[in-house]
């Protein structure tokens, strides 16, 4: 929150969604911050991929076969599919805000309305 407030105070109404884009591309400290941010994203992607793969496994394997019997080929195919889909989304847009808004729309509705209703009925 402190970084967001500092960025808004510095740039006022010209603040972009990605705070690091507001700074000069030649600033060494900001470039170091961009590098650390990129490393953080690269290290958290496998965790997000794990969650997505588990959801696909539970939806497809459990509902279609009645048991979760994951083979190595299934694991590789699902993991590569998720990675290529993420790559395609990343390469198709240069506006991170649009991707985050789309993700929020897809994730927030089930989290706010569907899952609590399902929990009460079960």
PDB file of N, CA and C in Angstrom:
ATOM      1  N   UNK A   1       0.833  -1.183   0.000  1.00  0.00           N
ATOM      2  CA  UNK A   1       0.000   0.000   0.000  1.00  0.00           C
ATOM      3  C   UNK A   1       0.880   1.250   0.000  1.00  0.00           C
ATOM      4  N   UNK A   2       1.968   1.201   0.726  1.00  0.00           N
ATOM      5  CA  UNK A   2       2.855   2.364   0.798  1.00  0.00           C
ATOM      6  C   UNK A   2       3.444   2.694  -0.575  1.00  0.00           C
ATOM      7  N   UNK A   3       3.823   1.665  -1.340  1.00  0.00           N
ATOM      8  CA  UNK A   3       4.369   1.920  -2.669  1.00  0.00           C
ATOM      9  C   UNK A   3       3.315   2.492  -3.603  1.00  0.00           C
ATOM     10  N   UNK A   4       2.090   2.007  -3.492  1.00  0.00           N
ATOM     11  CA  UNK A   4       1.005   2.540  -4.314  1.00  0.00           C
ATOM     12  C   UNK A   4       0.730   3.997  -4.005  1.00  0.00           C
ATOM     13  N   UNK A   5       0.709   4.337  -2.723  1.00  0.00           N
ATOM     14  CA  UNK A   5       0.479   5.734  -2.319  1.00  0.00           C
ATOM     15  C   UNK A   5       1.628   6.613  -2.788  1.00  0.00           C
ATOM     16  N   UNK A   6       2.867   6.128  -2.630  1.00  0.00           N
ATOM     17  CA  UNK A   6       4.024   6.914  -3.064  1.00  0.00           C
ATOM     18  C   UNK A   6       3.995   7.136  -4.574  1.00  0.00           C
ATOM     19  N   UNK A   7       3.607   6.109  -5.330  1.00  0.00           N
ATOM     20  CA  UNK A   7       3.516   6.265  -6.781  1.00  0.00           C
ATOM     21  C   UNK A   7       2.435   7.235  -7.178  1.00  0.00           C
ATOM     22  N   UNK A   8       1.290   7.179  -6.494  1.00  0.00           N
ATOM     23  CA  UNK A   8       0.202   8.094  -6.838  1.00  0.00           C
ATOM     24  C   UNK A   8       0.555   9.532  -6.475  1.00  0.00           C
ATOM     25  N   UNK A   9       1.212   9.721  -5.331  1.00  0.00           N
ATOM     26  CA  UNK A   9       1.613  11.079  -4.921  1.00  0.00           C
ATOM     27  C   UNK A   9       2.621  11.644  -5.910  1.00  0.00           C
ATOM     28  N   UNK A  10       3.500  10.791  -6.425  1.00  0.00           N
ATOM     29  CA  UNK A  10       4.521  11.254  -7.366  1.00  0.00           C
ATOM     30  C   UNK A  10       3.926  11.630  -8.717  1.00  0.00           C
ATOM     31  N   UNK A  11       3.010  10.801  -9.251  1.00  0.00           N
ATOM     32  CA  UNK A  11       2.528  10.987 -10.613  1.00  0.00           C
ATOM     33  C   UNK A  11       1.098  11.499 -10.703  1.00  0.00           C
ATOM     34  N   UNK A  12       0.403  11.589  -9.606  1.00  0.00           N
ATOM     35  CA  UNK A  12      -0.983  12.075  -9.535  1.00  0.00           C
ATOM     36  C   UNK A  12      -1.888  11.355 -10.536  1.00  0.00           C
ATOM     37  N   UNK A  13      -2.581  12.076 -11.388  1.00  0.00           N
ATOM     38  CA  UNK A  13      -3.550  11.483 -12.301  1.00  0.00           C
ATOM     39  C   UNK A  13      -2.927  10.736 -13.473  1.00  0.00           C
ATOM     40  N   UNK A  14      -1.622  10.872 -13.667  1.00  0.00           N
ATOM     41  CA  UNK A  14      -0.948  10.187 -14.767  1.00  0.00           C
ATOM     42  C   UNK A  14      -0.422   8.812 -14.369  1.00  0.00           C
ATOM     43  N   UNK A  15      -0.826   8.323 -13.223  1.00  0.00           N
ATOM     44  CA  UNK A  15      -0.348   7.032 -12.739  1.00  0.00           C
ATOM     45  C   UNK A  15      -0.889   5.913 -13.619  1.00  0.00           C
ATOM     46  N   UNK A  16       0.003   5.055 -14.088  1.00  0.00           N
ATOM     47  CA  UNK A  16      -0.386   3.909 -14.892  1.00  0.00           C
ATOM     48  C   UNK A  16      -0.655   2.711 -13.996  1.00  0.00           C
ATOM     49  N   UNK A  17      -1.346   1.711 -14.540  1.00  0.00           N
ATOM     50  CA  UNK A  17      -1.682   0.530 -13.759  1.00  0.00           C
ATOM     51  C   UNK A  17      -0.454  -0.197 -13.249  1.00  0.00           C
ATOM     52  N   UNK A  18       0.577  -0.302 -14.068  1.00  0.00           N
ATOM     53  CA  UNK A  18       1.854  -0.875 -13.654  1.00  0.00           C
ATOM     54  C   UNK A  18       2.732   0.277 -13.211  1.00  0.00           C
ATOM     55  N   UNK A  19       2.955   0.389 -11.930  1.00  0.00           N
ATOM     56  CA  UNK A  19       3.668   1.531 -11.359  1.00  0.00           C
ATOM     57  C   UNK A  19       5.074   1.676 -11.934  1.00  0.00           C
ATOM     58  N   UNK A  20       5.719   0.575 -12.284  1.00  0.00           N
ATOM     59  CA  UNK A  20       7.081   0.644 -12.805  1.00  0.00           C
ATOM     60  C   UNK A  20       7.146   1.287 -14.194  1.00  0.00           C
ATOM     61  N   UNK A  21       6.030   1.323 -14.918  1.00  0.00           N
ATOM     62  CA  UNK A  21       6.015   1.975 -16.234  1.00  0.00           C
ATOM     63  C   UNK A  21       6.033   3.497 -16.122  1.00  0.00           C
ATOM     64  N   UNK A  22       5.762   4.025 -14.967  1.00  0.00           N
ATOM     65  CA  UNK A  22       5.764   5.471 -14.780  1.00  0.00           C
ATOM     66  C   UNK A  22       7.172   6.043 -14.729  1.00  0.00           C
ATOM     67  N   UNK A  23       8.150   5.215 -14.444  1.00  0.00           N
ATOM     68  CA  UNK A  23       9.524   5.689 -14.271  1.00  0.00           C
ATOM     69  C   UNK A  23      10.314   5.575 -15.563  1.00  0.00           C
ATOM     70  N   UNK A  24      11.413   6.302 -15.618  1.00  0.00           N
ATOM     71  CA  UNK A  24      12.279   6.349 -16.797  1.00  0.00           C
ATOM     72  C   UNK A  24      12.873   4.962 -17.077  1.00  0.00           C
ATOM     73  N   UNK A  25      12.921   4.558 -18.345  1.00  0.00           N
ATOM     74  CA  UNK A  25      13.486   3.239 -18.661  1.00  0.00           C
ATOM     75  C   UNK A  25      14.990   3.140 -18.423  1.00  0.00           C
ATOM     76  N   UNK A  26      15.668   4.278 -18.239  1.00  0.00           N
ATOM     77  CA  UNK A  26      17.120   4.271 -18.038  1.00  0.00           C
ATOM     78  C   UNK A  26      17.521   4.300 -16.565  1.00  0.00           C
ATOM     79  N   UNK A  27      16.565   4.336 -15.660  1.00  0.00           N
ATOM     80  CA  UNK A  27      16.859   4.400 -14.225  1.00  0.00           C
ATOM     81  C   UNK A  27      17.305   3.026 -13.737  1.00  0.00           C
ATOM     82  N   UNK A  28      18.528   2.951 -13.192  1.00  0.00           N
ATOM     83  CA  UNK A  28      19.087   1.669 -12.768  1.00  0.00           C
ATOM     84  C   UNK A  28      18.316   1.044 -11.605  1.00  0.00           C
ATOM     85  N   UNK A  29      17.884   1.827 -10.661  1.00  0.00           N
ATOM     86  CA  UNK A  29      17.152   1.300  -9.505  1.00  0.00           C
ATOM     87  C   UNK A  29      15.801   0.731  -9.951  1.00  0.00           C
ATOM     88  N   UNK A  30      15.119   1.442 -10.828  1.00  0.00           N
ATOM     89  CA  UNK A  30      13.825   0.951 -11.327  1.00  0.00           C
ATOM     90  C   UNK A  30      14.027  -0.295 -12.187  1.00  0.00           C
ATOM     91  N   UNK A  31      15.099  -0.345 -12.979  1.00  0.00           N
ATOM     92  CA  UNK A  31      15.376  -1.547 -13.765  1.00  0.00           C
ATOM     93  C   UNK A  31      15.685  -2.735 -12.867  1.00  0.00           C
ATOM     94  N   UNK A  32      16.359  -2.493 -11.754  1.00  0.00           N
ATOM     95  CA  UNK A  32      16.591  -3.567 -10.785  1.00  0.00           C
ATOM     96  C   UNK A  32      15.259  -4.028 -10.187  1.00  0.00           C
ATOM     97  N   UNK A  33      14.352  -3.084  -9.922  1.00  0.00           N
ATOM     98  CA  UNK A  33      13.022  -3.437  -9.413  1.00  0.00           C
ATOM     99  C   UNK A  33      12.243  -4.244 -10.444  1.00  0.00           C
ATOM    100  N   UNK A  34      12.354  -3.864 -11.704  1.00  0.00           N
ATOM    101  CA  UNK A  34      11.688  -4.626 -12.769  1.00  0.00           C
ATOM    102  C   UNK A  34      12.231  -6.050 -12.847  1.00  0.00           C
ATOM    103  N   UNK A  35      13.548  -6.188 -12.703  1.00  0.00           N
ATOM    104  CA  UNK A  35      14.173  -7.508 -12.731  1.00  0.00           C
ATOM    105  C   UNK A  35      13.684  -8.370 -11.566  1.00  0.00           C
ATOM    106  N   UNK A  36      13.651  -7.809 -10.364  1.00  0.00           N
ATOM    107  CA  UNK A  36      13.179  -8.559  -9.196  1.00  0.00           C
ATOM    108  C   UNK A  36      11.710  -8.943  -9.367  1.00  0.00           C
ATOM    109  N   UNK A  37      10.919  -8.052  -9.913  1.00  0.00           N
ATOM    110  CA  UNK A  37       9.505  -8.349 -10.158  1.00  0.00           C
ATOM    111  C   UNK A  37       9.363  -9.489 -11.172  1.00  0.00           C
ATOM    112  N   UNK A  38      10.176  -9.465 -12.230  1.00  0.00           N
ATOM    113  CA  UNK A  38      10.127 -10.533 -13.238  1.00  0.00           C
ATOM    114  C   UNK A  38      10.529 -11.878 -12.630  1.00  0.00           C
ATOM    115  N   UNK A  39      11.546 -11.883 -11.783  1.00  0.00           N
ATOM    116  CA  UNK A  39      11.962 -13.121 -11.113  1.00  0.00           C
ATOM    117  C   UNK A  39      10.851 -13.626 -10.205  1.00  0.00           C
ATOM    118  N   UNK A  40      10.187 -12.728  -9.504  1.00  0.00           N
ATOM    119  CA  UNK A  40       9.080 -13.119  -8.632  1.00  0.00           C
ATOM    120  C   UNK A  40       7.965 -13.773  -9.441  1.00  0.00           C
ATOM    121  N   UNK A  41       7.623 -13.199 -10.569  1.00  0.00           N
ATOM    122  CA  UNK A  41       6.585 -13.776 -11.427  1.00  0.00           C
ATOM    123  C   UNK A  41       7.010 -15.146 -11.933  1.00  0.00           C
ATOM    124  N   UNK A  42       8.261 -15.280 -12.336  1.00  0.00           N
ATOM    125  CA  UNK A  42       8.733 -16.569 -12.841  1.00  0.00           C
ATOM    126  C   UNK A  42       8.714 -17.648 -11.755  1.00  0.00           C
ATOM    127  N   UNK A  43       8.969 -17.263 -10.514  1.00  0.00           N
ATOM    128  CA  UNK A  43       8.986 -18.246  -9.438  1.00  0.00           C
ATOM    129  C   UNK A  43       7.589 -18.593  -8.922  1.00  0.00           C
ATOM    130  N   UNK A  44       6.612 -17.714  -9.109  1.00  0.00           N
ATOM    131  CA  UNK A  44       5.261 -18.022  -8.649  1.00  0.00           C
ATOM    132  C   UNK A  44       4.416 -18.703  -9.720  1.00  0.00           C
ATOM    133  N   UNK A  45       4.821 -18.645 -10.977  1.00  0.00           N
ATOM    134  CA  UNK A  45       4.038 -19.269 -12.047  1.00  0.00           C
ATOM    135  C   UNK A  45       3.864 -20.775 -11.843  1.00  0.00           C
ATOM    136  N   UNK A  46       4.897 -21.526 -11.452  1.00  0.00           N
ATOM    137  CA  UNK A  46       4.683 -22.967 -11.240  1.00  0.00           C
ATOM    138  C   UNK A  46       3.633 -23.274 -10.170  1.00  0.00           C
ATOM    139  N   UNK A  47       3.531 -22.454  -9.155  1.00  0.00           N
ATOM    140  CA  UNK A  47       2.519 -22.675  -8.122  1.00  0.00           C
ATOM    141  C   UNK A  47       1.125 -22.481  -8.709  1.00  0.00           C
ATOM    142  N   UNK A  48       0.955 -21.452  -9.504  1.00  0.00           N
ATOM    143  CA  UNK A  48      -0.340 -21.211 -10.141  1.00  0.00           C
ATOM    144  C   UNK A  48      -0.657 -22.309 -11.160  1.00  0.00           C
ATOM    145  N   UNK A  49       0.366 -22.787 -11.852  1.00  0.00           N
ATOM    146  CA  UNK A  49       0.177 -23.871 -12.809  1.00  0.00           C
ATOM    147  C   UNK A  49      -0.239 -25.154 -12.082  1.00  0.00           C
ATOM    148  N   UNK A  50       0.314 -25.390 -10.911  1.00  0.00           N
ATOM    149  CA  UNK A  50      -0.059 -26.561 -10.117  1.00  0.00           C
ATOM    150  C   UNK A  50      -1.541 -26.527  -9.762  1.00  0.00           C
ATOM    151  N   UNK A  51      -2.017 -25.374  -9.335  1.00  0.00           N
ATOM    152  CA  UNK A  51      -3.427 -25.239  -8.967  1.00  0.00           C
ATOM    153  C   UNK A  51      -4.318 -25.473 -10.185  1.00  0.00           C
ATOM    154  N   UNK A  52      -3.961 -24.879 -11.309  1.00  0.00           N
ATOM    155  CA  UNK A  52      -4.771 -25.058 -12.527  1.00  0.00           C
ATOM    156  C   UNK A  52      -4.774 -26.525 -12.968  1.00  0.00           C
ATOM    157  N   UNK A  53      -3.631 -27.186 -12.872  1.00  0.00           N
ATOM    158  CA  UNK A  53      -3.556 -28.594 -13.255  1.00  0.00           C
ATOM    159  C   UNK A  53      -4.400 -29.467 -12.329  1.00  0.00           C
ATOM    160  N   UNK A  54      -4.398 -29.176 -11.052  1.00  0.00           N
ATOM    161  CA  UNK A  54      -5.229 -29.919 -10.102  1.00  0.00           C
ATOM    162  C   UNK A  54      -6.712 -29.755 -10.417  1.00  0.00           C
ATOM    163  N   UNK A  55      -7.113 -28.541 -10.780  1.00  0.00           N
ATOM    164  CA  UNK A  55      -8.514 -28.300 -11.134  1.00  0.00           C
ATOM    165  C   UNK A  55      -8.887 -29.099 -12.376  1.00  0.00           C
ATOM    166  N   UNK A  56      -8.023 -29.079 -13.391  1.00  0.00           N
ATOM    167  CA  UNK A  56      -8.298 -29.842 -14.610  1.00  0.00           C
ATOM    168  C   UNK A  56      -8.356 -31.336 -14.294  1.00  0.00           C
ATOM    169  N   UNK A  57      -7.421 -31.802 -13.492  1.00  0.00           N
ATOM    170  CA  UNK A  57      -7.432 -33.221 -13.104  1.00  0.00           C
ATOM    171  C   UNK A  57      -8.713 -33.593 -12.389  1.00  0.00           C
ATOM    172  N   UNK A  58      -9.113 -32.778 -11.440  1.00  0.00           N
ATOM    173  CA  UNK A  58     -10.331 -33.071 -10.682  1.00  0.00           C
ATOM    174  C   UNK A  58     -11.573 -33.016 -11.566  1.00  0.00           C
ATOM    175  N   UNK A  59     -11.622 -32.051 -12.459  1.00  0.00           N
ATOM    176  CA  UNK A  59     -12.794 -31.931 -13.326  1.00  0.00           C
ATOM    177  C   UNK A  59     -12.854 -33.056 -14.349  1.00  0.00           C
ATOM    178  N   UNK A  60     -11.746 -33.335 -15.000  1.00  0.00           N
ATOM    179  CA  UNK A  60     -11.783 -34.317 -16.081  1.00  0.00           C
ATOM    180  C   UNK A  60     -11.665 -35.756 -15.566  1.00  0.00           C
ATOM    181  N   UNK A  61     -10.606 -36.032 -14.813  1.00  0.00           N
ATOM    182  CA  UNK A  61     -10.365 -37.420 -14.418  1.00  0.00           C
ATOM    183  C   UNK A  61     -11.400 -37.930 -13.428  1.00  0.00           C
ATOM    184  N   UNK A  62     -11.721 -37.139 -12.416  1.00  0.00           N
ATOM    185  CA  UNK A  62     -12.639 -37.603 -11.382  1.00  0.00           C
ATOM    186  C   UNK A  62     -14.051 -37.747 -11.927  1.00  0.00           C
ATOM    187  N   UNK A  63     -14.515 -36.772 -12.716  1.00  0.00           N
ATOM    188  CA  UNK A  63     -15.884 -36.827 -13.216  1.00  0.00           C
ATOM    189  C   UNK A  63     -16.051 -37.797 -14.380  1.00  0.00           C
ATOM    190  N   UNK A  64     -15.013 -37.967 -15.209  1.00  0.00           N
ATOM    191  CA  UNK A  64     -15.174 -38.856 -16.359  1.00  0.00           C
ATOM    192  C   UNK A  64     -14.927 -40.319 -16.010  1.00  0.00           C
ATOM    193  N   UNK A  65     -13.956 -40.587 -15.158  1.00  0.00           N
ATOM    194  CA  UNK A  65     -13.627 -41.981 -14.845  1.00  0.00           C
ATOM    195  C   UNK A  65     -14.063 -42.391 -13.456  1.00  0.00           C
ATOM    196  N   UNK A  66     -14.396 -41.446 -12.606  1.00  0.00           N
ATOM    197  CA  UNK A  66     -14.803 -41.767 -11.244  1.00  0.00           C
ATOM    198  C   UNK A  66     -13.642 -41.937 -10.291  1.00  0.00           C
ATOM    199  N   UNK A  67     -12.429 -41.957 -10.803  1.00  0.00           N
ATOM    200  CA  UNK A  67     -11.251 -42.048  -9.948  1.00  0.00           C
ATOM    201  C   UNK A  67     -10.144 -41.190 -10.548  1.00  0.00           C
ATOM    202  N   UNK A  68      -9.251 -40.781  -9.705  1.00  0.00           N
ATOM    203  CA  UNK A  68      -8.156 -39.935 -10.170  1.00  0.00           C
ATOM    204  C   UNK A  68      -6.935 -40.809 -10.390  1.00  0.00           C
ATOM    205  N   UNK A  69      -6.698 -41.162 -11.651  1.00  0.00           N
ATOM    206  CA  UNK A  69      -5.577 -42.012 -12.020  1.00  0.00           C
ATOM    207  C   UNK A  69      -4.750 -41.269 -13.055  1.00  0.00           C
ATOM    208  N   UNK A  70      -3.870 -40.402 -12.589  1.00  0.00           N
ATOM    209  CA  UNK A  70      -3.099 -39.537 -13.483  1.00  0.00           C
ATOM    210  C   UNK A  70      -1.847 -40.271 -13.959  1.00  0.00           C
ATOM    211  N   UNK A  71      -1.647 -40.300 -15.280  1.00  0.00           N
ATOM    212  CA  UNK A  71      -0.432 -40.883 -15.839  1.00  0.00           C
ATOM    213  C   UNK A  71       0.568 -39.760 -16.123  1.00  0.00           C
ATOM    214  N   UNK A  72       1.798 -40.169 -16.407  1.00  0.00           N
ATOM    215  CA  UNK A  72       2.830 -39.185 -16.717  1.00  0.00           C
ATOM    216  C   UNK A  72       2.479 -38.405 -17.982  1.00  0.00           C
ATOM    217  N   UNK A  73       1.952 -39.089 -19.002  1.00  0.00           N
ATOM    218  CA  UNK A  73       1.585 -38.406 -20.242  1.00  0.00           C
ATOM    219  C   UNK A  73       0.476 -37.389 -20.004  1.00  0.00           C
ATOM    220  N   UNK A  74      -0.508 -37.750 -19.202  1.00  0.00           N
ATOM    221  CA  UNK A  74      -1.585 -36.810 -18.881  1.00  0.00           C
ATOM    222  C   UNK A  74      -1.013 -35.593 -18.169  1.00  0.00           C
ATOM    223  N   UNK A  75      -0.129 -35.809 -17.229  1.00  0.00           N
ATOM    224  CA  UNK A  75       0.501 -34.724 -16.477  1.00  0.00           C
ATOM    225  C   UNK A  75       1.255 -33.780 -17.422  1.00  0.00           C
ATOM    226  N   UNK A  76       2.026 -34.347 -18.333  1.00  0.00           N
ATOM    227  CA  UNK A  76       2.813 -33.532 -19.272  1.00  0.00           C
ATOM    228  C   UNK A  76       1.895 -32.764 -20.220  1.00  0.00           C
ATOM    229  N   UNK A  77       0.874 -33.411 -20.748  1.00  0.00           N
ATOM    230  CA  UNK A  77      -0.042 -32.754 -21.692  1.00  0.00           C
ATOM    231  C   UNK A  77      -0.786 -31.603 -21.033  1.00  0.00           C
ATOM    232  N   UNK A  78      -1.317 -31.827 -19.835  1.00  0.00           N
ATOM    233  CA  UNK A  78      -2.059 -30.765 -19.146  1.00  0.00           C
ATOM    234  C   UNK A  78      -1.127 -29.609 -18.781  1.00  0.00           C
ATOM    235  N   UNK A  79       0.068 -29.929 -18.272  1.00  0.00           N
ATOM    236  CA  UNK A  79       1.012 -28.874 -17.886  1.00  0.00           C
ATOM    237  C   UNK A  79       1.444 -28.050 -19.093  1.00  0.00           C
ATOM    238  N   UNK A  80       1.761 -28.703 -20.194  1.00  0.00           N
ATOM    239  CA  UNK A  80       2.158 -27.972 -21.410  1.00  0.00           C
ATOM    240  C   UNK A  80       0.999 -27.146 -21.962  1.00  0.00           C
ATOM    241  N   UNK A  81      -0.210 -27.683 -21.906  1.00  0.00           N
ATOM    242  CA  UNK A  81      -1.378 -26.933 -22.387  1.00  0.00           C
ATOM    243  C   UNK A  81      -1.587 -25.663 -21.571  1.00  0.00           C
ATOM    244  N   UNK A  82      -1.489 -25.774 -20.263  1.00  0.00           N
ATOM    245  CA  UNK A  82      -1.657 -24.598 -19.403  1.00  0.00           C
ATOM    246  C   UNK A  82      -0.555 -23.583 -19.683  1.00  0.00           C
ATOM    247  N   UNK A  83       0.680 -24.055 -19.825  1.00  0.00           N
ATOM    248  CA  UNK A  83       1.801 -23.143 -20.086  1.00  0.00           C
ATOM    249  C   UNK A  83       1.653 -22.447 -21.431  1.00  0.00           C
ATOM    250  N   UNK A  84       1.253 -23.189 -22.464  1.00  0.00           N
ATOM    251  CA  UNK A  84       1.079 -22.576 -23.789  1.00  0.00           C
ATOM    252  C   UNK A  84      -0.094 -21.605 -23.817  1.00  0.00           C
ATOM    253  N   UNK A  85      -1.161 -21.905 -23.081  1.00  0.00           N
ATOM    254  CA  UNK A  85      -2.292 -20.966 -22.996  1.00  0.00           C
ATOM    255  C   UNK A  85      -1.866 -19.674 -22.310  1.00  0.00           C
ATOM    256  N   UNK A  86      -1.099 -19.803 -21.237  1.00  0.00           N
ATOM    257  CA  UNK A  86      -0.602 -18.609 -20.539  1.00  0.00           C
ATOM    258  C   UNK A  86       0.341 -17.813 -21.443  1.00  0.00           C
ATOM    259  N   UNK A  87       1.171 -18.503 -22.196  1.00  0.00           N
ATOM    260  CA  UNK A  87       2.070 -17.832 -23.134  1.00  0.00           C
ATOM    261  C   UNK A  87       1.286 -17.116 -24.221  1.00  0.00           C
ATOM    262  N   UNK A  88       0.247 -17.761 -24.735  1.00  0.00           N
ATOM    263  CA  UNK A  88      -0.564 -17.145 -25.793  1.00  0.00           C
ATOM    264  C   UNK A  88      -1.248 -15.883 -25.292  1.00  0.00           C
ATOM    265  N   UNK A  89      -1.779 -15.920 -24.082  1.00  0.00           N
ATOM    266  CA  UNK A  89      -2.409 -14.723 -23.514  1.00  0.00           C
ATOM    267  C   UNK A  89      -1.370 -13.631 -23.309  1.00  0.00           C
ATOM    268  N   UNK A  90      -0.225 -13.997 -22.793  1.00  0.00           N
ATOM    269  CA  UNK A  90       0.832 -13.011 -22.553  1.00  0.00           C
ATOM    270  C   UNK A  90       1.360 -12.379 -23.820  1.00  0.00           C
ATOM    271  N   UNK A  91       1.475 -13.156 -24.865  1.00  0.00           N
ATOM    272  CA  UNK A  91       1.984 -12.637 -26.129  1.00  0.00           C
ATOM    273  C   UNK A  91       0.942 -11.867 -26.929  1.00  0.00           C
ATOM    274  N   UNK A  92      -0.327 -12.107 -26.655  1.00  0.00           N
ATOM    275  CA  UNK A  92      -1.376 -11.462 -27.452  1.00  0.00           C
ATOM    276  C   UNK A  92      -1.730 -10.062 -26.977  1.00  0.00           C
ATOM    277  N   UNK A  93      -1.267  -9.666 -25.825  1.00  0.00           N
ATOM    278  CA  UNK A  93      -1.610  -8.335 -25.324  1.00  0.00           C
ATOM    279  C   UNK A  93      -0.396  -7.684 -24.674  1.00  0.00           C
ATOM    280  N   UNK A  94      -0.374  -6.372 -24.744  1.00  0.00           N
ATOM    281  CA  UNK A  94       0.674  -5.638 -24.039  1.00  0.00           C
ATOM    282  C   UNK A  94       0.083  -4.843 -22.875  1.00  0.00           C
ATOM    283  N   UNK A  95      -1.186  -5.091 -22.591  1.00  0.00           N
ATOM    284  CA  UNK A  95      -1.881  -4.384 -21.524  1.00  0.00           C
ATOM    285  C   UNK A  95      -2.166  -5.351 -20.387  1.00  0.00           C
ATOM    286  N   UNK A  96      -1.329  -5.305 -19.378  1.00  0.00           N
ATOM    287  CA  UNK A  96      -1.490  -6.201 -18.238  1.00  0.00           C
ATOM    288  C   UNK A  96      -2.789  -5.916 -17.492  1.00  0.00           C
ATOM    289  N   UNK A  97      -3.216  -4.675 -17.482  1.00  0.00           N
ATOM    290  CA  UNK A  97      -4.462  -4.312 -16.809  1.00  0.00           C
ATOM    291  C   UNK A  97      -5.657  -5.042 -17.393  1.00  0.00           C
ATOM    292  N   UNK A  98      -5.687  -5.197 -18.707  1.00  0.00           N
ATOM    293  CA  UNK A  98      -6.778  -5.911 -19.362  1.00  0.00           C
ATOM    294  C   UNK A  98      -6.813  -7.378 -18.934  1.00  0.00           C
ATOM    295  N   UNK A  99      -5.654  -8.001 -18.858  1.00  0.00           N
ATOM    296  CA  UNK A  99      -5.574  -9.405 -18.431  1.00  0.00           C
ATOM    297  C   UNK A  99      -6.025  -9.546 -16.979  1.00  0.00           C
ATOM    298  N   UNK A 100      -5.590  -8.641 -16.126  1.00  0.00           N
ATOM    299  CA  UNK A 100      -5.980  -8.700 -14.719  1.00  0.00           C
ATOM    300  C   UNK A 100      -7.472  -8.461 -14.543  1.00  0.00           C
ATOM    301  N   UNK A 101      -8.049  -7.547 -15.316  1.00  0.00           N
ATOM    302  CA  UNK A 101      -9.494  -7.314 -15.247  1.00  0.00           C
ATOM    303  C   UNK A 101     -10.269  -8.550 -15.681  1.00  0.00           C
ATOM    304  N   UNK A 102      -9.818  -9.187 -16.771  1.00  0.00           N
ATOM    305  CA  UNK A 102     -10.474 -10.394 -17.263  1.00  0.00           C
ATOM    306  C   UNK A 102     -10.378 -11.525 -16.236  1.00  0.00           C
ATOM    307  N   UNK A 103      -9.207 -11.683 -15.644  1.00  0.00           N
ATOM    308  CA  UNK A 103      -9.018 -12.704 -14.607  1.00  0.00           C
ATOM    309  C   UNK A 103      -9.893 -12.408 -13.402  1.00  0.00           C
ATOM    310  N   UNK A 104      -9.986 -11.155 -13.023  1.00  0.00           N
ATOM    311  CA  UNK A 104     -10.830 -10.781 -11.892  1.00  0.00           C
ATOM    312  C   UNK A 104     -12.293 -11.079 -12.149  1.00  0.00           C
ATOM    313  N   UNK A 105     -12.743 -10.817 -13.374  1.00  0.00           N
ATOM    314  CA  UNK A 105     -14.135 -11.100 -13.719  1.00  0.00           C
ATOM    315  C   UNK A 105     -14.407 -12.599 -13.640  1.00  0.00           C
ATOM    316  N   UNK A 106     -13.474 -13.397 -14.157  1.00  0.00           N
ATOM    317  CA  UNK A 106     -13.678 -14.846 -14.162  1.00  0.00           C
ATOM    318  C   UNK A 106     -13.549 -15.462 -12.770  1.00  0.00           C
ATOM    319  N   UNK A 107     -12.678 -14.916 -11.939  1.00  0.00           N
ATOM    320  CA  UNK A 107     -12.436 -15.517 -10.624  1.00  0.00           C
ATOM    321  C   UNK A 107     -13.314 -14.926  -9.532  1.00  0.00           C
ATOM    322  N   UNK A 108     -13.639 -13.644  -9.620  1.00  0.00           N
ATOM    323  CA  UNK A 108     -14.360 -12.989  -8.531  1.00  0.00           C
ATOM    324  C   UNK A 108     -15.811 -13.443  -8.431  1.00  0.00           C
ATOM    325  N   UNK A 109     -16.451 -13.660  -9.562  1.00  0.00           N
ATOM    326  CA  UNK A 109     -17.853 -14.065  -9.532  1.00  0.00           C
ATOM    327  C   UNK A 109     -18.043 -15.414  -8.831  1.00  0.00           C
ATOM    328  N   UNK A 110     -17.284 -16.446  -9.208  1.00  0.00           N
ATOM    329  CA  UNK A 110     -17.450 -17.702  -8.463  1.00  0.00           C
ATOM    330  C   UNK A 110     -17.073 -17.579  -6.990  1.00  0.00           C
ATOM    331  N   UNK A 111     -16.025 -16.828  -6.697  1.00  0.00           N
ATOM    332  CA  UNK A 111     -15.606 -16.693  -5.302  1.00  0.00           C
ATOM    333  C   UNK A 111     -16.630 -15.941  -4.462  1.00  0.00           C
ATOM    334  N   UNK A 112     -17.262 -14.939  -5.048  1.00  0.00           N
ATOM    335  CA  UNK A 112     -18.185 -14.112  -4.273  1.00  0.00           C
ATOM    336  C   UNK A 112     -19.589 -14.689  -4.193  1.00  0.00           C
ATOM    337  N   UNK A 113     -20.056 -15.333  -5.267  1.00  0.00           N
ATOM    338  CA  UNK A 113     -21.463 -15.727  -5.307  1.00  0.00           C
ATOM    339  C   UNK A 113     -21.690 -17.237  -5.355  1.00  0.00           C
ATOM    340  N   UNK A 114     -20.938 -17.946  -6.164  1.00  0.00           N
ATOM    341  CA  UNK A 114     -21.234 -19.358  -6.380  1.00  0.00           C
ATOM    342  C   UNK A 114     -20.711 -20.226  -5.240  1.00  0.00           C
ATOM    343  N   UNK A 115     -19.454 -20.064  -4.856  1.00  0.00           N
ATOM    344  CA  UNK A 115     -18.875 -20.916  -3.810  1.00  0.00           C
ATOM    345  C   UNK A 115     -19.546 -20.726  -2.448  1.00  0.00           C
ATOM    346  N   UNK A 116     -19.858 -19.510  -2.000  1.00  0.00           N
ATOM    347  CA  UNK A 116     -20.563 -19.410  -0.714  1.00  0.00           C
ATOM    348  C   UNK A 116     -21.946 -20.056  -0.751  1.00  0.00           C
ATOM    349  N   UNK A 117     -22.663 -19.954  -1.876  1.00  0.00           N
ATOM    350  CA  UNK A 117     -23.979 -20.571  -1.976  1.00  0.00           C
ATOM    351  C   UNK A 117     -23.856 -22.088  -1.961  1.00  0.00           C
ATOM    352  N   UNK A 118     -22.811 -22.628  -2.618  1.00  0.00           N
ATOM    353  CA  UNK A 118     -22.590 -24.060  -2.645  1.00  0.00           C
ATOM    354  C   UNK A 118     -22.218 -24.559  -1.250  1.00  0.00           C
ATOM    355  N   UNK A 119     -21.491 -23.797  -0.521  1.00  0.00           N
ATOM    356  CA  UNK A 119     -21.061 -24.184   0.823  1.00  0.00           C
ATOM    357  C   UNK A 119     -22.240 -24.242   1.787  1.00  0.00           C
ATOM    358  N   UNK A 120     -23.188 -23.311   1.644  1.00  0.00           N
ATOM    359  CA  UNK A 120     -24.357 -23.303   2.509  1.00  0.00           C
ATOM    360  C   UNK A 120     -25.275 -24.487   2.237  1.00  0.00           C
ATOM    361  N   UNK A 121     -25.355 -24.894   0.956  1.00  0.00           N
ATOM    362  CA  UNK A 121     -26.276 -25.980   0.619  1.00  0.00           C
ATOM    363  C   UNK A 121     -25.683 -27.347   0.975  1.00  0.00           C
ATOM    364  N   UNK A 122     -24.355 -27.436   1.053  1.00  0.00           N
ATOM    365  CA  UNK A 122     -23.712 -28.732   1.304  1.00  0.00           C
ATOM    366  C   UNK A 122     -23.454 -28.934   2.701  1.00  0.00           C
TER     367      UNK A 122
END
